Amino acid sequence: MTAMVGRYKAFWGEEEGARAAEIGMEEREVVTLASIVEKEVLWGDERRTVSGVYWNRLRRGMLLQADPTVQFALGEPRARLLYRDIDSVADHPYNTYTQPGLPPGPIASPGAASLRAALHPAEHDYIFFVARGDGRHEFTRTLREHNDARNRIRLARDAAQR
């Protein structure tokens, strides 16, 4: 734990504090967003893109709808998150499907790459993403594109299981 705190303190300097202020976030909010990115992303090259999606949602006043926050609220990981899982913790402050904005605090200890992604999100117009099953995500701009991607990925997964 001491080593983890030391690495965090070594990361967070004047430049990071200035960047957080520039984007209108407090340090705790940056760490909270970074923790969601940390739990969402398996491939490092997607961190800034995922961070950008969450930034776009926050700017538009949308719910974050981040599965890792619901997993945190549930208290145990689920292989697949179902609507009944989300509903079972509907009033939980970490359920970003029902609670607006960032959750009250981090859901994990983010690494430097996720902290950098939270401070420097990719600029794009994506507001959705769906896991492809290989650890990567497909990013989309509209709900229709998102639903099409979800259906295409689900059909491919189902066909591969036959």
Protein backbone atom coordinates (compact mmCIF):
# COMPACT_ATOMS: atom_id res chain seq x y z
CA MET A 1 0.00 0.00 0.00
CA THR A 2 2.83 2.40 0.84
CA ALA A 3 4.43 1.78 -2.57
CA MET A 4 1.11 2.45 -4.31
CA VAL A 5 0.63 5.75 -2.46
CA GLY A 6 4.25 6.68 -3.24
CA ARG A 7 3.75 6.05 -6.97
CA TYR A 8 0.57 8.12 -6.93
CA LYS A 9 2.26 11.04 -5.16
CA ALA A 10 5.16 10.84 -7.60
CA PHE A 11 2.67 11.08 -10.49
CA TRP A 12 0.56 13.94 -9.17
CA GLY A 13 2.58 17.13 -9.48
CA GLU A 14 2.05 20.77 -10.38
CA GLU A 15 1.49 20.03 -14.06
CA GLU A 16 -1.23 17.47 -13.31
CA GLY A 17 -2.90 19.80 -10.80
CA ALA A 18 -2.85 22.62 -13.35
CA ARG A 19 -4.32 20.34 -16.03
CA ALA A 20 -7.10 19.21 -13.67
CA ALA A 21 -7.95 22.86 -12.95
CA GLU A 22 -7.86 23.63 -16.68
CA ILE A 23 -10.45 20.95 -17.41
CA GLY A 24 -12.56 21.91 -14.40
CA MET A 25 -11.98 18.87 -12.23
CA GLU A 26 -10.72 18.35 -8.73
CA GLU A 27 -8.00 15.78 -8.12
CA ARG A 28 -10.50 13.31 -6.61
CA GLU A 29 -12.72 13.57 -9.70
CA VAL A 30 -9.77 12.88 -11.99
CA VAL A 31 -8.85 9.83 -9.90
CA THR A 32 -12.48 8.66 -9.95
CA LEU A 33 -12.71 8.93 -13.74
CA ALA A 34 -9.31 7.29 -14.12
CA SER A 35 -10.43 4.39 -11.92
CA ILE A 36 -13.39 3.76 -14.23
CA VAL A 37 -11.10 3.86 -17.27
CA GLU A 38 -8.71 1.48 -15.47
CA LYS A 39 -11.45 -1.12 -14.94
CA GLU A 40 -13.01 -0.65 -18.40
CA VAL A 41 -9.94 -0.97 -20.61
CA LEU A 42 -7.76 -3.99 -21.30
CA TRP A 43 -5.81 -2.49 -24.22
CA GLY A 44 -3.82 0.61 -23.36
CA ASP A 45 -4.36 2.29 -26.71
CA GLU A 46 -8.08 2.58 -25.89
CA ARG A 47 -7.69 4.46 -22.60
CA ARG A 48 -7.87 7.98 -24.00
CA THR A 49 -10.75 7.05 -26.31
CA VAL A 50 -12.80 5.57 -23.44
CA SER A 51 -11.97 8.61 -21.32
CA GLY A 52 -13.18 10.80 -24.19
CA VAL A 53 -16.48 8.92 -24.33
CA TYR A 54 -17.06 9.55 -20.62
CA TRP A 55 -16.08 13.21 -21.02
CA ASN A 56 -18.54 13.56 -23.91
CA ARG A 57 -21.29 12.04 -21.79
CA LEU A 58 -20.50 14.31 -18.85
CA ARG A 59 -20.50 17.41 -21.08
CA ARG A 60 -23.89 16.45 -22.53
CA GLY A 61 -25.40 15.74 -19.12
CA MET A 62 -25.81 12.07 -19.99
CA LEU A 63 -25.53 9.25 -17.49
CA LEU A 64 -22.08 7.63 -17.59
CA GLN A 65 -23.58 4.12 -17.75
CA ALA A 66 -20.23 2.57 -16.82
CA ASP A 67 -20.49 -1.16 -16.14
CA PRO A 68 -17.48 -1.19 -13.77
CA THR A 69 -19.26 1.19 -11.38
CA VAL A 70 -22.25 -1.14 -11.19
CA GLN A 71 -19.90 -4.08 -10.60
CA PHE A 72 -18.44 -2.05 -7.73
CA ALA A 73 -21.94 -1.33 -6.36
CA LEU A 74 -22.80 -5.03 -6.56
CA GLY A 75 -19.70 -5.85 -4.52
CA GLU A 76 -18.70 -8.76 -6.73
CA PRO A 77 -17.75 -9.11 -10.38
CA ARG A 78 -20.20 -10.60 -12.84
CA ALA A 79 -19.16 -12.12 -16.13
CA ARG A 80 -22.03 -10.27 -17.79
CA LEU A 81 -24.05 -7.43 -16.38
CA LEU A 82 -27.80 -7.92 -16.74
CA TYR A 83 -30.57 -5.34 -16.39
CA ARG A 84 -31.71 -7.03 -13.19
CA ASP A 85 -28.19 -6.51 -11.76
CA ILE A 86 -28.34 -2.82 -12.58
CA ASP A 87 -31.86 -2.56 -11.14
CA SER A 88 -30.86 -4.38 -7.94
CA VAL A 89 -28.57 -1.47 -7.03
CA ALA A 90 -30.62 1.31 -8.62
CA ASP A 91 -30.31 3.65 -5.62
CA HIS A 92 -26.62 2.95 -4.97
CA PRO A 93 -24.47 6.09 -5.42
CA TYR A 94 -22.05 4.12 -7.61
CA ASN A 95 -24.72 3.02 -10.09
CA THR A 96 -23.93 5.30 -13.00
CA TYR A 97 -26.92 3.94 -14.92
CA THR A 98 -29.23 5.71 -12.47
CA GLN A 99 -27.07 8.35 -10.73
CA PRO A 100 -25.85 11.39 -12.68
CA GLY A 101 -22.24 12.49 -12.95
CA LEU A 102 -19.22 10.77 -11.53
CA PRO A 103 -19.66 8.41 -8.59
CA PRO A 104 -18.60 9.73 -5.15
CA GLY A 105 -15.09 8.27 -5.35
CA PRO A 106 -12.76 5.85 -7.14
CA ILE A 107 -13.74 2.24 -7.76
CA ALA A 108 -10.13 1.05 -8.06
CA SER A 109 -6.57 2.29 -7.87
CA PRO A 110 -5.78 3.67 -11.34
CA GLY A 111 -2.35 3.48 -12.86
CA ALA A 112 -0.48 6.40 -14.38
CA ALA A 113 -1.76 5.60 -17.91
CA SER A 114 -5.40 5.84 -16.79
CA LEU A 115 -4.69 9.02 -14.83
CA ARG A 116 -3.12 10.54 -17.95
CA ALA A 117 -6.13 9.43 -20.01
CA ALA A 118 -8.52 11.10 -17.55
CA LEU A 119 -6.49 14.32 -17.73
CA HIS A 120 -6.02 14.17 -21.51
CA PRO A 121 -9.04 12.41 -23.06
CA ALA A 122 -9.09 11.86 -26.80
CA GLU A 123 -11.14 14.44 -28.65
CA HIS A 124 -13.81 12.75 -30.74
CA ASP A 125 -17.58 12.60 -30.99
CA TYR A 126 -18.12 9.05 -29.74
CA ILE A 127 -20.65 8.67 -26.93
CA PHE A 128 -21.03 4.88 -26.90
CA PHE A 129 -18.84 1.82 -26.93
CA VAL A 130 -19.43 -1.90 -26.70
CA ALA A 131 -17.03 -4.70 -25.81
CA ARG A 132 -16.19 -6.90 -28.79
CA GLY A 133 -15.29 -9.95 -26.76
CA ASP A 134 -11.57 -9.84 -27.54
CA GLY A 135 -10.82 -7.19 -24.92
CA ARG A 136 -11.30 -4.35 -27.39
CA HIS A 137 -14.26 -2.03 -27.91
CA GLU A 138 -16.21 -0.69 -30.85
CA PHE A 139 -16.89 3.05 -30.54
CA THR A 140 -19.98 4.69 -31.98
CA ARG A 141 -21.55 8.14 -32.25
CA THR A 142 -25.28 7.42 -32.17
CA LEU A 143 -27.60 5.10 -30.29
CA ARG A 144 -28.56 3.44 -33.56
CA GLU A 145 -24.89 2.74 -34.39
CA HIS A 146 -24.39 1.46 -30.84
CA ASN A 147 -27.36 -0.90 -31.02
CA ASP A 148 -26.26 -2.14 -34.45
CA ALA A 149 -22.76 -2.83 -33.08
CA ARG A 150 -24.16 -4.60 -30.02
CA ASN A 151 -26.40 -6.80 -32.16
CA ARG A 152 -23.60 -7.59 -34.64
CA ILE A 153 -21.19 -8.51 -31.84
CA ARG A 154 -23.84 -10.63 -30.07
CA LEU A 155 -24.71 -12.48 -33.28
CA ALA A 156 -21.02 -13.19 -33.98
CA ARG A 157 -20.50 -14.43 -30.41
CA ASP A 158 -23.57 -16.66 -30.60
CA ALA A 159 -22.48 -18.07 -33.97
CA ALA A 160 -19.00 -18.83 -32.61
CA GLN A 161 -20.52 -20.72 -29.66
CA ARG A 162 -22.50 -23.06 -31.94
